[in-house]
Amino acid sequence: MAVATVGLLAVTGLAAGCGGGSDGNAAAKPLPAVETFQAGACRDAASGLVDTLRIARRGNDKPDGIKMVATDLIDPQEKLYDQIPAAGELAPDLEKITTAIGFLRLRVDTSTYEPRLLTEVTTTTEALVNRCTSSH
């Protein structure tokens, strides 16, 4: 009986540690304020980047949840896409983000979504946010 109890506790602890990914990520790393972005193209893209991160971090791999995420990403995707021509050296990064969002939305629409697509949106956005908010 003691072995069964220990085994159950171990499985329960493992399940608790592996759950929800996105919620834990959002809590671990607060969203930056727009004012913390470097002046210029970074500041211009800040609201779209922060919105993208906020939406992606609340990600939900359940069919209805990911559909809502995909829909909510339309506005920040359009904002960021419109800024590419004037973004200078940030243009390739903005293209990566808007393309990642596009693939996610397409795959949600065609019922071929995979969780790595949301991860790609999050990681590409976080990379540019980190670049734009670093003190260098």
N, C-alpha and C. Protein backbone atom coordinates (compact mmCIF):
# COMPACT_ATOMS: atom_id res chain seq x y z
N MET A 1 0.81 -1.20 0.00
CA MET A 1 0.00 0.00 0.00
C MET A 1 0.86 1.27 0.00
N ALA A 2 1.94 1.23 0.79
CA ALA A 2 2.83 2.40 0.85
C ALA A 2 3.48 2.65 -0.50
N VAL A 3 3.86 1.58 -1.22
CA VAL A 3 4.48 1.73 -2.53
C VAL A 3 3.49 2.35 -3.51
N ALA A 4 2.24 1.91 -3.46
CA ALA A 4 1.22 2.48 -4.34
C ALA A 4 1.00 3.95 -4.05
N THR A 5 1.00 4.32 -2.77
CA THR A 5 0.81 5.72 -2.38
C THR A 5 1.97 6.58 -2.87
N VAL A 6 3.19 6.09 -2.69
CA VAL A 6 4.37 6.83 -3.14
C VAL A 6 4.33 6.98 -4.66
N GLY A 7 3.98 5.90 -5.36
CA GLY A 7 3.89 5.95 -6.82
C GLY A 7 2.86 6.96 -7.28
N LEU A 8 1.70 6.97 -6.62
CA LEU A 8 0.65 7.92 -6.97
C LEU A 8 1.10 9.35 -6.72
N LEU A 9 1.78 9.57 -5.60
CA LEU A 9 2.29 10.92 -5.31
C LEU A 9 3.32 11.35 -6.35
N ALA A 10 4.17 10.44 -6.78
CA ALA A 10 5.17 10.78 -7.78
C ALA A 10 4.52 11.14 -9.11
N VAL A 11 3.51 10.37 -9.52
CA VAL A 11 2.81 10.66 -10.77
C VAL A 11 2.07 11.98 -10.65
N THR A 12 1.42 12.23 -9.52
CA THR A 12 0.71 13.49 -9.31
C THR A 12 1.67 14.67 -9.36
N GLY A 13 2.82 14.55 -8.73
CA GLY A 13 3.81 15.62 -8.75
C GLY A 13 4.35 15.86 -10.14
N LEU A 14 4.57 14.78 -10.90
CA LEU A 14 5.05 14.92 -12.27
C LEU A 14 4.01 15.61 -13.13
N ALA A 15 2.76 15.21 -12.98
CA ALA A 15 1.69 15.84 -13.76
C ALA A 15 1.57 17.32 -13.42
N ALA A 16 1.68 17.66 -12.15
CA ALA A 16 1.57 19.07 -11.76
C ALA A 16 2.72 19.89 -12.33
N GLY A 17 3.90 19.31 -12.38
CA GLY A 17 5.06 20.02 -12.91
C GLY A 17 5.03 20.19 -14.41
N CYS A 18 4.28 19.34 -15.12
CA CYS A 18 4.26 19.38 -16.58
C CYS A 18 3.05 20.09 -17.13
N GLY A 19 2.15 20.52 -16.31
CA GLY A 19 0.90 21.09 -16.80
C GLY A 19 1.04 22.46 -17.37
N GLY A 20 0.03 22.88 -18.04
CA GLY A 20 -0.27 24.21 -18.50
C GLY A 20 0.77 25.06 -19.17
N GLY A 21 2.00 24.79 -19.27
CA GLY A 21 3.07 25.53 -19.89
C GLY A 21 2.86 27.01 -20.08
N SER A 22 1.87 27.41 -20.84
CA SER A 22 1.69 28.82 -21.18
C SER A 22 1.37 29.67 -19.97
N ASP A 23 0.52 29.17 -19.10
CA ASP A 23 0.16 29.95 -17.91
C ASP A 23 1.38 30.18 -17.03
N GLY A 24 2.21 29.14 -16.85
CA GLY A 24 3.40 29.28 -16.04
C GLY A 24 4.37 30.25 -16.67
N ASN A 25 4.48 30.25 -17.98
CA ASN A 25 5.38 31.13 -18.69
C ASN A 25 4.97 32.58 -18.49
N ALA A 26 3.66 32.84 -18.58
CA ALA A 26 3.17 34.20 -18.42
C ALA A 26 3.46 34.72 -17.03
N ALA A 27 3.33 33.87 -16.02
CA ALA A 27 3.55 34.28 -14.65
C ALA A 27 5.04 34.48 -14.38
N ALA A 28 5.90 33.69 -15.02
CA ALA A 28 7.32 33.73 -14.75
C ALA A 28 7.98 34.98 -15.33
N LYS A 29 7.47 35.49 -16.41
CA LYS A 29 8.12 36.60 -17.10
C LYS A 29 7.07 37.66 -17.42
N PRO A 30 7.01 38.72 -16.63
CA PRO A 30 5.99 39.74 -16.88
C PRO A 30 6.19 40.44 -18.22
N LEU A 31 5.09 40.88 -18.77
CA LEU A 31 5.15 41.62 -20.03
C LEU A 31 5.78 42.99 -19.80
N PRO A 32 6.65 43.41 -20.71
CA PRO A 32 7.29 44.72 -20.54
C PRO A 32 6.32 45.85 -20.88
N ALA A 33 6.55 46.98 -20.25
CA ALA A 33 5.77 48.17 -20.58
C ALA A 33 6.31 48.75 -21.89
N VAL A 34 5.43 49.35 -22.66
CA VAL A 34 5.81 49.95 -23.94
C VAL A 34 6.95 50.95 -23.74
N GLU A 35 6.93 51.66 -22.63
CA GLU A 35 7.95 52.69 -22.36
C GLU A 35 9.35 52.11 -22.19
N THR A 36 9.46 50.81 -21.94
CA THR A 36 10.77 50.19 -21.75
C THR A 36 11.45 49.82 -23.06
N PHE A 37 10.74 49.96 -24.17
CA PHE A 37 11.31 49.65 -25.48
C PHE A 37 12.19 50.80 -25.95
N GLN A 38 13.27 50.46 -26.63
CA GLN A 38 14.17 51.48 -27.17
C GLN A 38 13.41 52.36 -28.16
N ALA A 39 13.80 53.63 -28.20
CA ALA A 39 13.16 54.59 -29.12
C ALA A 39 13.37 54.15 -30.56
N GLY A 40 12.46 54.56 -31.41
CA GLY A 40 12.57 54.25 -32.83
C GLY A 40 11.68 53.08 -33.22
N ALA A 41 12.21 52.21 -34.08
CA ALA A 41 11.42 51.09 -34.61
C ALA A 41 10.95 50.15 -33.50
N CYS A 42 11.78 49.97 -32.48
CA CYS A 42 11.37 49.10 -31.36
C CYS A 42 10.14 49.67 -30.65
N ARG A 43 10.19 50.95 -30.35
CA ARG A 43 9.05 51.58 -29.67
C ARG A 43 7.82 51.58 -30.57
N ASP A 44 8.03 51.78 -31.86
CA ASP A 44 6.91 51.76 -32.81
C ASP A 44 6.21 50.40 -32.82
N ALA A 45 6.99 49.34 -32.70
CA ALA A 45 6.43 47.98 -32.74
C ALA A 45 6.00 47.48 -31.36
N ALA A 46 6.30 48.22 -30.32
CA ALA A 46 6.11 47.74 -28.95
C ALA A 46 4.69 47.25 -28.65
N SER A 47 3.68 48.02 -28.99
CA SER A 47 2.32 47.61 -28.62
C SER A 47 1.92 46.32 -29.34
N GLY A 48 2.31 46.17 -30.61
CA GLY A 48 2.02 44.94 -31.34
C GLY A 48 2.76 43.74 -30.76
N LEU A 49 4.00 43.97 -30.35
CA LEU A 49 4.80 42.89 -29.75
C LEU A 49 4.23 42.46 -28.40
N VAL A 50 3.90 43.44 -27.58
CA VAL A 50 3.34 43.12 -26.25
C VAL A 50 1.99 42.42 -26.40
N ASP A 51 1.16 42.89 -27.31
CA ASP A 51 -0.13 42.23 -27.54
C ASP A 51 0.07 40.79 -28.02
N THR A 52 1.00 40.60 -28.93
CA THR A 52 1.27 39.25 -29.43
C THR A 52 1.71 38.33 -28.30
N LEU A 53 2.62 38.79 -27.47
CA LEU A 53 3.07 37.98 -26.33
C LEU A 53 1.94 37.68 -25.36
N ARG A 54 1.16 38.68 -25.04
CA ARG A 54 0.05 38.49 -24.10
C ARG A 54 -0.90 37.42 -24.61
N ILE A 55 -1.25 37.51 -25.87
CA ILE A 55 -2.20 36.55 -26.47
C ILE A 55 -1.57 35.17 -26.56
N ALA A 56 -0.33 35.09 -27.04
CA ALA A 56 0.32 33.80 -27.22
C ALA A 56 0.56 33.10 -25.89
N ARG A 57 0.90 33.85 -24.86
CA ARG A 57 1.16 33.25 -23.56
C ARG A 57 -0.10 32.69 -22.90
N ARG A 58 -1.23 33.23 -23.23
CA ARG A 58 -2.45 32.66 -22.65
C ARG A 58 -2.90 31.45 -23.46
N GLY A 59 -2.09 31.10 -24.45
CA GLY A 59 -2.37 30.02 -25.38
C GLY A 59 -3.04 28.82 -24.74
N ASN A 60 -3.84 28.19 -25.52
CA ASN A 60 -4.63 27.07 -25.07
C ASN A 60 -4.71 26.10 -26.23
N ASP A 61 -4.20 24.90 -26.04
CA ASP A 61 -4.16 23.94 -27.14
C ASP A 61 -5.47 23.20 -27.36
N LYS A 62 -6.48 23.50 -26.56
CA LYS A 62 -7.78 22.90 -26.82
C LYS A 62 -8.34 23.57 -28.08
N PRO A 63 -9.11 22.84 -28.91
CA PRO A 63 -9.57 23.39 -30.19
C PRO A 63 -10.24 24.76 -30.09
N ASP A 64 -11.16 24.96 -29.18
CA ASP A 64 -11.82 26.26 -29.08
C ASP A 64 -10.86 27.34 -28.57
N GLY A 65 -9.97 26.96 -27.66
CA GLY A 65 -9.01 27.92 -27.11
C GLY A 65 -8.02 28.41 -28.15
N ILE A 66 -7.48 27.49 -28.94
CA ILE A 66 -6.48 27.90 -29.93
C ILE A 66 -7.15 28.68 -31.06
N LYS A 67 -8.40 28.41 -31.35
CA LYS A 67 -9.12 29.21 -32.36
C LYS A 67 -9.25 30.65 -31.89
N MET A 68 -9.54 30.83 -30.60
CA MET A 68 -9.65 32.18 -30.05
C MET A 68 -8.29 32.89 -30.08
N VAL A 69 -7.23 32.16 -29.75
CA VAL A 69 -5.89 32.74 -29.81
C VAL A 69 -5.58 33.18 -31.24
N ALA A 70 -5.85 32.31 -32.21
CA ALA A 70 -5.57 32.63 -33.62
C ALA A 70 -6.35 33.87 -34.06
N THR A 71 -7.59 33.95 -33.67
CA THR A 71 -8.42 35.12 -34.02
C THR A 71 -7.88 36.38 -33.35
N ASP A 72 -7.52 36.27 -32.08
CA ASP A 72 -7.03 37.44 -31.35
C ASP A 72 -5.67 37.92 -31.87
N LEU A 73 -4.92 37.06 -32.53
CA LEU A 73 -3.62 37.45 -33.08
C LEU A 73 -3.72 38.23 -34.39
N ILE A 74 -4.89 38.30 -34.98
CA ILE A 74 -5.04 38.99 -36.26
C ILE A 74 -4.64 40.46 -36.15
N ASP A 75 -5.16 41.17 -35.17
CA ASP A 75 -4.87 42.60 -35.05
C ASP A 75 -3.39 42.89 -34.83
N PRO A 76 -2.72 42.24 -33.85
CA PRO A 76 -1.29 42.53 -33.71
C PRO A 76 -0.47 42.09 -34.93
N GLN A 77 -0.89 41.00 -35.60
CA GLN A 77 -0.18 40.58 -36.80
C GLN A 77 -0.25 41.67 -37.87
N GLU A 78 -1.43 42.23 -38.06
CA GLU A 78 -1.59 43.30 -39.06
C GLU A 78 -0.79 44.53 -38.69
N LYS A 79 -0.80 44.92 -37.41
CA LYS A 79 -0.01 46.07 -36.95
C LYS A 79 1.47 45.87 -37.24
N LEU A 80 1.98 44.70 -36.86
CA LEU A 80 3.40 44.43 -37.05
C LEU A 80 3.76 44.33 -38.53
N TYR A 81 2.90 43.72 -39.31
CA TYR A 81 3.16 43.61 -40.75
C TYR A 81 3.23 44.99 -41.41
N ASP A 82 2.34 45.88 -41.02
CA ASP A 82 2.33 47.23 -41.58
C ASP A 82 3.59 48.02 -41.23
N GLN A 83 4.28 47.63 -40.17
CA GLN A 83 5.48 48.35 -39.74
C GLN A 83 6.76 47.84 -40.40
N ILE A 84 6.69 46.72 -41.10
CA ILE A 84 7.90 46.13 -41.70
C ILE A 84 8.63 47.11 -42.62
N PRO A 85 7.95 47.82 -43.54
CA PRO A 85 8.68 48.71 -44.46
C PRO A 85 9.53 49.78 -43.77
N ALA A 86 9.10 50.25 -42.60
CA ALA A 86 9.83 51.31 -41.91
C ALA A 86 10.68 50.79 -40.75
N ALA A 87 10.78 49.47 -40.60
CA ALA A 87 11.43 48.91 -39.41
C ALA A 87 12.94 48.77 -39.52
N GLY A 88 13.50 49.06 -40.68
CA GLY A 88 14.96 49.00 -40.83
C GLY A 88 15.51 47.63 -40.48
N GLU A 89 16.48 47.60 -39.57
CA GLU A 89 17.14 46.34 -39.21
C GLU A 89 16.22 45.37 -38.46
N LEU A 90 15.09 45.85 -37.97
CA LEU A 90 14.13 44.97 -37.29
C LEU A 90 13.19 44.25 -38.27
N ALA A 91 13.19 44.67 -39.52
CA ALA A 91 12.26 44.12 -40.51
C ALA A 91 12.31 42.59 -40.59
N PRO A 92 13.49 41.96 -40.64
CA PRO A 92 13.50 40.49 -40.72
C PRO A 92 12.86 39.83 -39.49
N ASP A 93 13.05 40.43 -38.33
CA ASP A 93 12.45 39.89 -37.11
C ASP A 93 10.93 40.04 -37.13
N LEU A 94 10.46 41.18 -37.59
CA LEU A 94 9.01 41.38 -37.70
C LEU A 94 8.41 40.42 -38.73
N GLU A 95 9.16 40.16 -39.80
CA GLU A 95 8.69 39.20 -40.81
C GLU A 95 8.59 37.80 -40.21
N LYS A 96 9.56 37.42 -39.38
CA LYS A 96 9.52 36.10 -38.73
C LYS A 96 8.29 35.97 -37.85
N ILE A 97 8.00 37.01 -37.10
CA ILE A 97 6.85 36.98 -36.18
C ILE A 97 5.55 36.90 -36.96
N THR A 98 5.39 37.77 -37.96
CA THR A 98 4.13 37.78 -38.70
C THR A 98 3.95 36.50 -39.51
N THR A 99 5.04 35.92 -39.98
CA THR A 99 4.96 34.64 -40.68
C THR A 99 4.58 33.52 -39.72
N ALA A 100 5.17 33.53 -38.52
CA ALA A 100 4.82 32.51 -37.52
C ALA A 100 3.34 32.59 -37.16
N ILE A 101 2.84 33.81 -36.99
CA ILE A 101 1.41 33.99 -36.70
C ILE A 101 0.59 33.49 -37.89
N GLY A 102 1.02 33.80 -39.09
CA GLY A 102 0.30 33.36 -40.28
C GLY A 102 0.21 31.85 -40.39
N PHE A 103 1.32 31.17 -40.13
CA PHE A 103 1.29 29.70 -40.17
C PHE A 103 0.36 29.15 -39.09
N LEU A 104 0.43 29.72 -37.89
CA LEU A 104 -0.46 29.27 -36.82
C LEU A 104 -1.92 29.44 -37.24
N ARG A 105 -2.26 30.60 -37.75
CA ARG A 105 -3.65 30.87 -38.14
C ARG A 105 -4.10 29.94 -39.27
N LEU A 106 -3.23 29.73 -40.25
CA LEU A 106 -3.55 28.84 -41.35
C LEU A 106 -3.80 27.41 -40.86
N ARG A 107 -2.91 26.94 -40.00
CA ARG A 107 -3.03 25.56 -39.51
C ARG A 107 -4.23 25.41 -38.58
N VAL A 108 -4.60 26.44 -37.85
CA VAL A 108 -5.82 26.38 -37.04
C VAL A 108 -7.03 26.30 -37.98
N ASP A 109 -7.03 27.14 -39.01
CA ASP A 109 -8.15 27.16 -39.97
C ASP A 109 -8.32 25.83 -40.71
N THR A 110 -7.22 25.13 -40.94
CA THR A 110 -7.29 23.87 -41.68
C THR A 110 -7.31 22.65 -40.75
N SER A 111 -7.49 22.90 -39.46
CA SER A 111 -7.54 21.83 -38.44
C SER A 111 -6.29 20.95 -38.45
N THR A 112 -5.13 21.57 -38.72
CA THR A 112 -3.86 20.84 -38.69
C THR A 112 -2.89 21.50 -37.70
N TYR A 113 -3.43 22.20 -36.72
CA TYR A 113 -2.63 22.90 -35.72
C TYR A 113 -1.75 21.93 -34.94
N GLU A 114 -0.55 22.38 -34.64
CA GLU A 114 0.38 21.67 -33.76
C GLU A 114 0.90 22.67 -32.73
N PRO A 115 1.08 22.26 -31.47
CA PRO A 115 1.53 23.18 -30.42
C PRO A 115 2.83 23.91 -30.73
N ARG A 116 3.71 23.32 -31.53
CA ARG A 116 4.98 23.99 -31.84
C ARG A 116 4.76 25.30 -32.57
N LEU A 117 3.62 25.45 -33.23
CA LEU A 117 3.32 26.69 -33.96
C LEU A 117 3.13 27.85 -32.98
N LEU A 118 2.45 27.60 -31.88
CA LEU A 118 2.28 28.63 -30.86
C LEU A 118 3.63 28.92 -30.19
N THR A 119 4.42 27.88 -29.98
CA THR A 119 5.76 28.07 -29.41
C THR A 119 6.60 28.96 -30.32
N GLU A 120 6.50 28.77 -31.62
CA GLU A 120 7.25 29.59 -32.58
C GLU A 120 6.84 31.06 -32.49
N VAL A 121 5.54 31.31 -32.39
CA VAL A 121 5.07 32.70 -32.23
C VAL A 121 5.66 33.30 -30.96
N THR A 122 5.60 32.57 -29.89
CA THR A 122 6.08 33.07 -28.60
C THR A 122 7.59 33.31 -28.63
N THR A 123 8.36 32.34 -29.11
CA THR A 123 9.82 32.49 -29.07
C THR A 123 10.32 33.57 -30.01
N THR A 124 9.74 33.70 -31.20
CA THR A 124 10.20 34.75 -32.11
C THR A 124 9.85 36.13 -31.56
N THR A 125 8.68 36.24 -30.94
CA THR A 125 8.28 37.52 -30.37
C THR A 125 9.14 37.86 -29.16
N GLU A 126 9.36 36.89 -28.28
CA GLU A 126 10.20 37.14 -27.10
C GLU A 126 11.61 37.55 -27.51
N ALA A 127 12.15 36.96 -28.56
CA ALA A 127 13.50 37.31 -29.00
C ALA A 127 13.58 38.79 -29.38
N LEU A 128 12.59 39.28 -30.12
CA LEU A 128 12.62 40.69 -30.51
C LEU A 128 12.32 41.60 -29.33
N VAL A 129 11.43 41.19 -28.46
CA VAL A 129 11.15 41.98 -27.26
C VAL A 129 12.42 42.11 -26.43
N ASN A 130 13.14 41.01 -26.25
CA ASN A 130 14.39 41.06 -25.47
C ASN A 130 15.40 41.98 -26.14
N ARG A 131 15.48 41.91 -27.45
CA ARG A 131 16.41 42.78 -28.19
C ARG A 131 16.03 44.25 -28.03
N CYS A 132 14.73 44.52 -28.07
CA CYS A 132 14.24 45.90 -28.02
C CYS A 132 14.20 46.47 -26.61
N THR A 133 14.27 45.65 -25.60
CA THR A 133 14.21 46.17 -24.22
C THR A 133 15.54 46.03 -23.49
N SER A 134 16.54 45.49 -24.16
CA SER A 134 17.85 45.38 -23.51
C SER A 134 18.47 46.77 -23.43
N SER A 135 19.37 46.94 -22.52
CA SER A 135 19.97 48.27 -22.31
C SER A 135 21.17 48.52 -23.22
N HIS A 136 21.43 47.65 -24.16
CA HIS A 136 22.58 47.82 -25.06
C HIS A 136 22.32 48.86 -26.10
